[in-house]
Amino acid sequence: MNNYQAHSTAVIDEGAVIGNGTKIWHFSHVMSGAMLGENCRIGQNVFIAPQVVLGNNVKVQNNVSVYTGVVCEDDVFLGPSCVFTNVINPRSFISRMEEFRPTLVKKGATIGANATIICGVTIGEYAMIGAGAVVTKDVPDYALIVGNPGKQIGWVDKEGNTLK
């Protein structure tokens, strides 16, 4: 039996797997089939779709939707209101659920507030995506990405310090 905490307004669907020590805050929804690791922090108004995988010690800040196809490894930080997509060319009148493109966020990566991650990319270990950036292609380990479209402007170390 898992030992996690969820606010009384959080909705945890039957079949969601939630690791020990994880905390889920106000008005968040974890759907059946989602897998959350140990010691995660899920902020207010977060949506986690089926088949999403979050590793251990993942921090998801307020107002983030993590859609089917997204995998975040251990120690990932998802900043407030960052956005993931899972269909490359959505249309409301065409069902494209079989066309979901996977997105991988590797160990220790940070995605800044209001950044948008287009589906089908891999964000490398300890990479840092700046606030508001739009990531349209794979990101190398330790890369610093900013802008729209996202461009690499440098490198960061494991602690997130910009390297000279």
N, C-alpha and C. Protein backbone atom coordinates (compact mmCIF):
# COMPACT_ATOMS: atom_id res chain seq x y z
N MET A 1 0.84 -1.20 0.00
CA MET A 1 0.00 0.00 0.00
C MET A 1 0.88 1.25 0.00
N ASN A 2 0.57 2.18 -0.90
CA ASN A 2 1.36 3.40 -1.00
C ASN A 2 0.96 4.39 0.08
N ASN A 3 1.92 5.17 0.50
CA ASN A 3 1.71 6.20 1.49
C ASN A 3 1.97 7.56 0.82
N TYR A 4 0.91 8.16 0.27
CA TYR A 4 1.02 9.48 -0.36
C TYR A 4 -0.05 10.38 0.23
N GLN A 5 0.07 11.68 -0.01
CA GLN A 5 -0.91 12.65 0.47
C GLN A 5 -1.58 13.33 -0.71
N ALA A 6 -2.89 13.48 -0.63
CA ALA A 6 -3.64 14.21 -1.66
C ALA A 6 -4.64 15.12 -0.98
N HIS A 7 -4.71 16.35 -1.42
CA HIS A 7 -5.69 17.30 -0.89
C HIS A 7 -7.09 16.76 -1.16
N SER A 8 -8.03 17.13 -0.33
CA SER A 8 -9.40 16.61 -0.46
C SER A 8 -10.06 16.97 -1.79
N THR A 9 -9.58 18.02 -2.46
CA THR A 9 -10.16 18.40 -3.75
C THR A 9 -9.49 17.71 -4.94
N ALA A 10 -8.40 16.99 -4.70
CA ALA A 10 -7.71 16.28 -5.77
C ALA A 10 -8.53 15.06 -6.16
N VAL A 11 -8.47 14.70 -7.44
CA VAL A 11 -9.15 13.52 -7.96
C VAL A 11 -8.09 12.52 -8.39
N ILE A 12 -8.10 11.37 -7.74
CA ILE A 12 -7.16 10.30 -8.06
C ILE A 12 -7.99 9.13 -8.58
N ASP A 13 -7.91 8.85 -9.87
CA ASP A 13 -8.70 7.77 -10.45
C ASP A 13 -8.16 6.41 -10.03
N GLU A 14 -9.08 5.47 -9.88
CA GLU A 14 -8.69 4.10 -9.60
C GLU A 14 -7.78 3.61 -10.72
N GLY A 15 -6.70 2.97 -10.37
CA GLY A 15 -5.75 2.48 -11.36
C GLY A 15 -4.55 3.39 -11.55
N ALA A 16 -4.55 4.57 -10.93
CA ALA A 16 -3.35 5.41 -10.92
C ALA A 16 -2.38 4.82 -9.91
N VAL A 17 -1.10 4.85 -10.23
CA VAL A 17 -0.07 4.35 -9.33
C VAL A 17 0.70 5.55 -8.81
N ILE A 18 0.73 5.71 -7.49
CA ILE A 18 1.37 6.87 -6.88
C ILE A 18 2.36 6.40 -5.82
N GLY A 19 3.61 6.84 -5.95
CA GLY A 19 4.68 6.40 -5.07
C GLY A 19 4.62 7.01 -3.68
N ASN A 20 5.31 6.35 -2.78
CA ASN A 20 5.39 6.79 -1.39
C ASN A 20 5.96 8.20 -1.29
N GLY A 21 5.39 8.98 -0.38
CA GLY A 21 5.89 10.31 -0.11
C GLY A 21 5.45 11.38 -1.09
N THR A 22 4.71 11.02 -2.11
CA THR A 22 4.24 11.99 -3.09
C THR A 22 3.13 12.83 -2.49
N LYS A 23 3.09 14.11 -2.84
CA LYS A 23 2.05 15.03 -2.37
C LYS A 23 1.35 15.65 -3.57
N ILE A 24 0.02 15.64 -3.52
CA ILE A 24 -0.80 16.15 -4.62
C ILE A 24 -1.71 17.24 -4.04
N TRP A 25 -1.65 18.43 -4.64
CA TRP A 25 -2.33 19.58 -4.07
C TRP A 25 -3.70 19.83 -4.71
N HIS A 26 -4.28 20.97 -4.37
CA HIS A 26 -5.66 21.34 -4.70
C HIS A 26 -6.02 21.17 -6.17
N PHE A 27 -7.19 20.63 -6.42
CA PHE A 27 -7.84 20.60 -7.73
C PHE A 27 -7.02 19.89 -8.81
N SER A 28 -6.15 18.99 -8.43
CA SER A 28 -5.37 18.24 -9.41
C SER A 28 -6.08 16.93 -9.73
N HIS A 29 -5.80 16.37 -10.91
CA HIS A 29 -6.44 15.14 -11.37
C HIS A 29 -5.36 14.20 -11.92
N VAL A 30 -5.28 13.01 -11.32
CA VAL A 30 -4.37 11.97 -11.80
C VAL A 30 -5.25 10.85 -12.34
N MET A 31 -5.14 10.58 -13.63
CA MET A 31 -6.02 9.61 -14.27
C MET A 31 -5.50 8.18 -14.14
N SER A 32 -6.41 7.23 -14.33
CA SER A 32 -6.08 5.81 -14.30
C SER A 32 -4.98 5.51 -15.31
N GLY A 33 -4.01 4.72 -14.91
CA GLY A 33 -2.92 4.35 -15.80
C GLY A 33 -1.71 5.25 -15.70
N ALA A 34 -1.83 6.39 -15.01
CA ALA A 34 -0.68 7.25 -14.78
C ALA A 34 0.20 6.62 -13.69
N MET A 35 1.50 6.82 -13.80
CA MET A 35 2.44 6.28 -12.82
C MET A 35 3.32 7.40 -12.30
N LEU A 36 3.19 7.70 -11.01
CA LEU A 36 3.98 8.74 -10.35
C LEU A 36 4.94 8.07 -9.39
N GLY A 37 6.20 8.46 -9.42
CA GLY A 37 7.22 7.88 -8.56
C GLY A 37 7.11 8.37 -7.13
N GLU A 38 8.15 8.08 -6.37
CA GLU A 38 8.20 8.47 -4.96
C GLU A 38 8.61 9.92 -4.82
N ASN A 39 8.10 10.55 -3.77
CA ASN A 39 8.48 11.91 -3.36
C ASN A 39 8.28 12.96 -4.46
N CYS A 40 7.25 12.78 -5.27
CA CYS A 40 6.89 13.80 -6.26
C CYS A 40 6.07 14.89 -5.59
N ARG A 41 6.08 16.08 -6.16
CA ARG A 41 5.25 17.19 -5.70
C ARG A 41 4.42 17.64 -6.88
N ILE A 42 3.10 17.49 -6.74
CA ILE A 42 2.17 17.84 -7.79
C ILE A 42 1.41 19.07 -7.32
N GLY A 43 1.61 20.19 -8.00
CA GLY A 43 1.02 21.45 -7.58
C GLY A 43 -0.47 21.54 -7.81
N GLN A 44 -0.98 22.72 -7.60
CA GLN A 44 -2.42 22.99 -7.73
C GLN A 44 -2.83 22.99 -9.20
N ASN A 45 -4.03 22.44 -9.48
CA ASN A 45 -4.63 22.47 -10.82
C ASN A 45 -3.75 21.78 -11.87
N VAL A 46 -3.20 20.63 -11.52
CA VAL A 46 -2.38 19.84 -12.44
C VAL A 46 -3.22 18.69 -12.98
N PHE A 47 -3.06 18.39 -14.26
CA PHE A 47 -3.72 17.24 -14.89
C PHE A 47 -2.65 16.27 -15.36
N ILE A 48 -2.79 15.00 -14.99
CA ILE A 48 -1.86 13.96 -15.41
C ILE A 48 -2.67 12.87 -16.10
N ALA A 49 -2.42 12.68 -17.39
CA ALA A 49 -3.21 11.79 -18.25
C ALA A 49 -2.79 10.32 -18.08
N PRO A 50 -3.61 9.41 -18.62
CA PRO A 50 -3.23 8.00 -18.61
C PRO A 50 -1.90 7.78 -19.34
N GLN A 51 -1.16 6.81 -18.86
CA GLN A 51 0.11 6.38 -19.47
C GLN A 51 1.24 7.38 -19.31
N VAL A 52 1.03 8.46 -18.58
CA VAL A 52 2.13 9.35 -18.23
C VAL A 52 2.97 8.66 -17.17
N VAL A 53 4.28 8.82 -17.27
CA VAL A 53 5.19 8.27 -16.27
C VAL A 53 6.04 9.41 -15.71
N LEU A 54 5.98 9.58 -14.40
CA LEU A 54 6.85 10.53 -13.70
C LEU A 54 7.76 9.72 -12.79
N GLY A 55 9.06 9.96 -12.88
CA GLY A 55 10.02 9.27 -12.03
C GLY A 55 9.95 9.76 -10.60
N ASN A 56 10.96 9.46 -9.84
CA ASN A 56 11.04 9.89 -8.44
C ASN A 56 11.46 11.34 -8.34
N ASN A 57 10.93 12.03 -7.33
CA ASN A 57 11.32 13.41 -7.01
C ASN A 57 11.05 14.39 -8.14
N VAL A 58 9.98 14.15 -8.90
CA VAL A 58 9.57 15.08 -9.95
C VAL A 58 8.70 16.16 -9.33
N LYS A 59 8.95 17.41 -9.70
CA LYS A 59 8.16 18.54 -9.21
C LYS A 59 7.38 19.12 -10.38
N VAL A 60 6.05 19.11 -10.25
CA VAL A 60 5.16 19.66 -11.25
C VAL A 60 4.47 20.86 -10.63
N GLN A 61 4.78 22.05 -11.10
CA GLN A 61 4.23 23.27 -10.53
C GLN A 61 2.79 23.49 -10.99
N ASN A 62 2.16 24.53 -10.47
CA ASN A 62 0.74 24.79 -10.71
C ASN A 62 0.41 24.92 -12.20
N ASN A 63 -0.81 24.48 -12.55
CA ASN A 63 -1.41 24.69 -13.86
C ASN A 63 -0.69 24.00 -15.01
N VAL A 64 -0.15 22.82 -14.77
CA VAL A 64 0.53 22.05 -15.81
C VAL A 64 -0.35 20.86 -16.19
N SER A 65 -0.49 20.62 -17.50
CA SER A 65 -1.15 19.41 -18.00
C SER A 65 -0.09 18.54 -18.64
N VAL A 66 -0.01 17.29 -18.16
CA VAL A 66 0.97 16.34 -18.67
C VAL A 66 0.17 15.27 -19.41
N TYR A 67 0.27 15.26 -20.74
CA TYR A 67 -0.59 14.43 -21.57
C TYR A 67 0.03 13.07 -21.88
N THR A 68 -0.82 12.14 -22.28
CA THR A 68 -0.39 10.79 -22.67
C THR A 68 0.78 10.88 -23.65
N GLY A 69 1.80 10.08 -23.39
CA GLY A 69 2.99 10.07 -24.23
C GLY A 69 4.17 10.74 -23.58
N VAL A 70 3.95 11.46 -22.48
CA VAL A 70 5.05 12.15 -21.80
C VAL A 70 5.64 11.25 -20.72
N VAL A 71 6.96 11.14 -20.73
CA VAL A 71 7.70 10.44 -19.69
C VAL A 71 8.73 11.41 -19.13
N CYS A 72 8.71 11.58 -17.81
CA CYS A 72 9.70 12.40 -17.13
C CYS A 72 10.50 11.50 -16.20
N GLU A 73 11.82 11.48 -16.38
CA GLU A 73 12.67 10.68 -15.52
C GLU A 73 12.83 11.34 -14.16
N ASP A 74 13.64 10.76 -13.29
CA ASP A 74 13.84 11.26 -11.93
C ASP A 74 14.33 12.71 -11.93
N ASP A 75 13.93 13.44 -10.88
CA ASP A 75 14.43 14.78 -10.56
C ASP A 75 14.10 15.84 -11.61
N VAL A 76 13.07 15.64 -12.40
CA VAL A 76 12.65 16.63 -13.39
C VAL A 76 11.83 17.72 -12.70
N PHE A 77 11.97 18.96 -13.17
CA PHE A 77 11.20 20.10 -12.69
C PHE A 77 10.38 20.65 -13.84
N LEU A 78 9.05 20.71 -13.65
CA LEU A 78 8.14 21.29 -14.64
C LEU A 78 7.60 22.59 -14.07
N GLY A 79 8.01 23.72 -14.64
CA GLY A 79 7.65 25.03 -14.12
C GLY A 79 6.18 25.36 -14.32
N PRO A 80 5.72 26.39 -13.61
CA PRO A 80 4.31 26.77 -13.65
C PRO A 80 3.80 27.00 -15.08
N SER A 81 2.67 26.41 -15.37
CA SER A 81 1.96 26.61 -16.64
C SER A 81 2.74 26.19 -17.87
N CYS A 82 3.77 25.34 -17.72
CA CYS A 82 4.42 24.83 -18.93
C CYS A 82 3.44 23.91 -19.64
N VAL A 83 3.67 23.71 -20.94
CA VAL A 83 2.70 23.02 -21.78
C VAL A 83 3.37 21.89 -22.55
N PHE A 84 2.71 20.74 -22.59
CA PHE A 84 3.12 19.63 -23.44
C PHE A 84 2.04 19.42 -24.49
N THR A 85 2.45 18.99 -25.68
CA THR A 85 1.48 18.56 -26.69
C THR A 85 1.70 17.08 -26.93
N ASN A 86 0.75 16.41 -27.59
CA ASN A 86 0.97 15.01 -27.93
C ASN A 86 0.51 14.65 -29.35
N VAL A 87 -0.06 15.60 -30.06
CA VAL A 87 -0.42 15.40 -31.46
C VAL A 87 0.21 16.56 -32.25
N ILE A 88 0.87 16.23 -33.35
CA ILE A 88 1.61 17.24 -34.10
C ILE A 88 0.70 18.16 -34.91
N ASN A 89 -0.46 17.67 -35.35
CA ASN A 89 -1.36 18.49 -36.18
C ASN A 89 -2.82 18.26 -35.76
N PRO A 90 -3.20 18.71 -34.58
CA PRO A 90 -4.55 18.42 -34.08
C PRO A 90 -5.65 19.13 -34.85
N ARG A 91 -6.75 18.45 -34.98
CA ARG A 91 -8.00 19.00 -35.51
C ARG A 91 -9.12 18.45 -34.65
N SER A 92 -10.05 19.28 -34.27
CA SER A 92 -11.12 18.83 -33.39
C SER A 92 -12.02 17.80 -34.05
N PHE A 93 -12.13 17.82 -35.35
CA PHE A 93 -13.04 16.92 -36.05
C PHE A 93 -12.37 15.64 -36.55
N ILE A 94 -11.06 15.46 -36.23
CA ILE A 94 -10.34 14.25 -36.62
C ILE A 94 -9.73 13.62 -35.37
N SER A 95 -10.06 12.35 -35.11
CA SER A 95 -9.44 11.64 -33.99
C SER A 95 -8.05 11.19 -34.40
N ARG A 96 -7.05 11.63 -33.65
CA ARG A 96 -5.67 11.28 -33.95
C ARG A 96 -4.97 10.65 -32.74
N MET A 97 -5.76 10.01 -31.88
CA MET A 97 -5.18 9.42 -30.68
C MET A 97 -4.14 8.36 -31.00
N GLU A 98 -4.25 7.70 -32.15
CA GLU A 98 -3.27 6.70 -32.52
C GLU A 98 -1.99 7.34 -33.06
N GLU A 99 -1.98 8.66 -33.17
CA GLU A 99 -0.82 9.37 -33.69
C GLU A 99 -0.02 10.11 -32.61
N PHE A 100 -0.33 9.83 -31.33
CA PHE A 100 0.41 10.49 -30.27
C PHE A 100 1.91 10.28 -30.47
N ARG A 101 2.67 11.33 -30.29
CA ARG A 101 4.13 11.24 -30.39
C ARG A 101 4.71 11.33 -28.98
N PRO A 102 5.59 10.40 -28.63
CA PRO A 102 6.14 10.40 -27.26
C PRO A 102 7.11 11.54 -27.04
N THR A 103 7.14 12.02 -25.81
CA THR A 103 8.06 13.06 -25.38
C THR A 103 8.80 12.54 -24.15
N LEU A 104 10.12 12.63 -24.16
CA LEU A 104 10.94 12.17 -23.05
C LEU A 104 11.70 13.34 -22.45
N VAL A 105 11.53 13.51 -21.14
CA VAL A 105 12.28 14.52 -20.39
C VAL A 105 13.22 13.74 -19.48
N LYS A 106 14.51 13.84 -19.77
CA LYS A 106 15.50 13.01 -19.07
C LYS A 106 15.85 13.56 -17.69
N LYS A 107 16.53 12.73 -16.93
CA LYS A 107 16.87 12.98 -15.54
C LYS A 107 17.40 14.39 -15.30
N GLY A 108 16.81 15.04 -14.29
CA GLY A 108 17.32 16.32 -13.82
C GLY A 108 17.00 17.52 -14.67
N ALA A 109 16.29 17.35 -15.79
CA ALA A 109 16.00 18.49 -16.67
C ALA A 109 15.00 19.44 -16.01
N THR A 110 15.08 20.71 -16.39
CA THR A 110 14.17 21.75 -15.92
C THR A 110 13.47 22.38 -17.11
N ILE A 111 12.16 22.52 -16.99
CA ILE A 111 11.37 23.23 -17.99
C ILE A 111 10.78 24.46 -17.29
N GLY A 112 11.10 25.63 -17.80
CA GLY A 112 10.69 26.88 -17.17
C GLY A 112 9.22 27.20 -17.35
N ALA A 113 8.77 28.18 -16.58
CA ALA A 113 7.38 28.62 -16.60
C ALA A 113 6.94 28.99 -18.01
N ASN A 114 5.74 28.56 -18.37
CA ASN A 114 5.12 28.90 -19.65
C ASN A 114 5.86 28.41 -20.89
N ALA A 115 6.82 27.51 -20.72
CA ALA A 115 7.49 26.92 -21.89
C ALA A 115 6.52 25.95 -22.56
N THR A 116 6.68 25.76 -23.87
CA THR A 116 5.87 24.82 -24.63
C THR A 116 6.80 23.76 -25.22
N ILE A 117 6.43 22.50 -25.00
CA ILE A 117 7.22 21.38 -25.50
C ILE A 117 6.39 20.68 -26.57
N ILE A 118 6.82 20.79 -27.83
CA ILE A 118 6.11 20.14 -28.93
C ILE A 118 6.41 18.64 -28.88
N CYS A 119 5.40 17.83 -29.11
CA CYS A 119 5.53 16.38 -28.95
C CYS A 119 6.59 15.79 -29.87
N GLY A 120 7.12 14.65 -29.42
CA GLY A 120 8.08 13.91 -30.21
C GLY A 120 9.53 14.26 -29.95
N VAL A 121 9.79 15.13 -28.99
CA VAL A 121 11.17 15.52 -28.69
C VAL A 121 11.69 14.81 -27.44
N THR A 122 13.01 14.81 -27.33
CA THR A 122 13.69 14.36 -26.12
C THR A 122 14.46 15.54 -25.56
N ILE A 123 14.27 15.79 -24.28
CA ILE A 123 15.01 16.84 -23.58
C ILE A 123 16.08 16.13 -22.75
N GLY A 124 17.33 16.47 -22.99
CA GLY A 124 18.46 15.77 -22.40
C GLY A 124 18.61 15.95 -20.90
N GLU A 125 19.46 15.10 -20.32
CA GLU A 125 19.73 15.15 -18.88
C GLU A 125 20.22 16.53 -18.47
N TYR A 126 19.66 17.04 -17.39
CA TYR A 126 20.04 18.31 -16.76
C TYR A 126 19.97 19.51 -17.70
N ALA A 127 19.28 19.36 -18.83
CA ALA A 127 19.06 20.50 -19.71
C ALA A 127 18.17 21.51 -19.01
N MET A 128 18.25 22.76 -19.43
CA MET A 128 17.41 23.80 -18.86
C MET A 128 16.69 24.53 -19.99
N ILE A 129 15.37 24.51 -19.91
CA ILE A 129 14.53 25.19 -20.89
C ILE A 129 14.04 26.48 -20.23
N GLY A 130 14.37 27.62 -20.81
CA GLY A 130 14.01 28.90 -20.24
C GLY A 130 12.52 29.17 -20.27
N ALA A 131 12.08 30.05 -19.39
CA ALA A 131 10.67 30.44 -19.33
C ALA A 131 10.20 30.94 -20.68
N GLY A 132 9.06 30.45 -21.12
CA GLY A 132 8.45 30.89 -22.36
C GLY A 132 9.03 30.30 -23.63
N ALA A 133 10.05 29.47 -23.53
CA ALA A 133 10.67 28.89 -24.73
C ALA A 133 9.70 27.93 -25.40
N VAL A 134 9.86 27.75 -26.71
CA VAL A 134 9.08 26.78 -27.47
C VAL A 134 10.06 25.76 -28.04
N VAL A 135 10.02 24.54 -27.50
CA VAL A 135 10.96 23.49 -27.90
C VAL A 135 10.34 22.68 -29.03
N THR A 136 11.01 22.70 -30.19
CA THR A 136 10.50 22.02 -31.39
C THR A 136 11.39 20.87 -31.85
N LYS A 137 12.55 20.71 -31.21
CA LYS A 137 13.47 19.63 -31.60
C LYS A 137 14.21 19.14 -30.37
N ASP A 138 14.90 18.01 -30.52
CA ASP A 138 15.62 17.40 -29.41
C ASP A 138 16.62 18.38 -28.80
N VAL A 139 16.81 18.24 -27.49
CA VAL A 139 17.70 19.11 -26.72
C VAL A 139 18.82 18.25 -26.14
N PRO A 140 20.09 18.64 -26.35
CA PRO A 140 21.20 17.86 -25.80
C PRO A 140 21.26 17.93 -24.26
N ASP A 141 21.95 16.96 -23.67
CA ASP A 141 22.21 17.00 -22.23
C ASP A 141 22.88 18.33 -21.88
N TYR A 142 22.50 18.93 -20.76
CA TYR A 142 23.11 20.14 -20.19
C TYR A 142 22.95 21.39 -21.05
N ALA A 143 22.12 21.35 -22.07
CA ALA A 143 21.93 22.52 -22.94
C ALA A 143 21.03 23.55 -22.27
N LEU A 144 21.26 24.82 -22.57
CA LEU A 144 20.41 25.93 -22.14
C LEU A 144 19.66 26.44 -23.38
N ILE A 145 18.33 26.34 -23.33
CA ILE A 145 17.47 26.66 -24.48
C ILE A 145 16.57 27.84 -24.11
N VAL A 146 16.49 28.84 -24.99
CA VAL A 146 15.59 29.97 -24.79
C VAL A 146 14.96 30.36 -26.12
N GLY A 147 13.85 31.10 -26.05
CA GLY A 147 13.26 31.72 -27.23
C GLY A 147 12.22 30.89 -27.95
N ASN A 148 11.68 31.51 -29.03
CA ASN A 148 10.66 30.89 -29.87
C ASN A 148 11.04 31.12 -31.33
N PRO A 149 11.45 30.08 -32.05
CA PRO A 149 11.62 28.72 -31.55
C PRO A 149 12.84 28.63 -30.63
N GLY A 150 12.85 27.60 -29.79
CA GLY A 150 13.93 27.43 -28.84
C GLY A 150 15.28 27.26 -29.53
N LYS A 151 16.26 27.99 -29.04
CA LYS A 151 17.63 27.88 -29.56
C LYS A 151 18.58 27.70 -28.39
N GLN A 152 19.63 26.92 -28.63
CA GLN A 152 20.63 26.73 -27.58
C GLN A 152 21.54 27.94 -27.53
N ILE A 153 21.66 28.53 -26.31
CA ILE A 153 22.53 29.70 -26.14
C ILE A 153 23.71 29.40 -25.24
N GLY A 154 23.78 28.17 -24.72
CA GLY A 154 24.90 27.84 -23.85
C GLY A 154 24.69 26.49 -23.20
N TRP A 155 25.42 26.31 -22.10
CA TRP A 155 25.41 25.07 -21.35
C TRP A 155 25.23 25.37 -19.87
N VAL A 156 24.65 24.43 -19.16
CA VAL A 156 24.51 24.55 -17.70
C VAL A 156 25.15 23.33 -17.05
N ASP A 157 25.52 23.48 -15.78
CA ASP A 157 26.02 22.33 -15.04
C ASP A 157 24.87 21.61 -14.35
N LYS A 158 25.17 20.59 -13.60
CA LYS A 158 24.16 19.77 -12.94
C LYS A 158 23.29 20.59 -12.00
N GLU A 159 23.85 21.65 -11.42
CA GLU A 159 23.09 22.50 -10.49
C GLU A 159 22.32 23.61 -11.20
N GLY A 160 22.46 23.71 -12.52
CA GLY A 160 21.72 24.72 -13.29
C GLY A 160 22.47 26.02 -13.48
N ASN A 161 23.74 26.07 -13.11
CA ASN A 161 24.54 27.26 -13.32
C ASN A 161 25.01 27.34 -14.76
N THR A 162 24.95 28.54 -15.35
CA THR A 162 25.41 28.74 -16.71
C THR A 162 26.92 28.61 -16.76
N LEU A 163 27.39 27.83 -17.74
CA LEU A 163 28.84 27.65 -17.91
C LEU A 163 29.39 28.71 -18.85
N LYS A 164 30.61 29.13 -18.61
CA LYS A 164 31.26 30.16 -19.45
C LYS A 164 32.13 29.51 -20.50
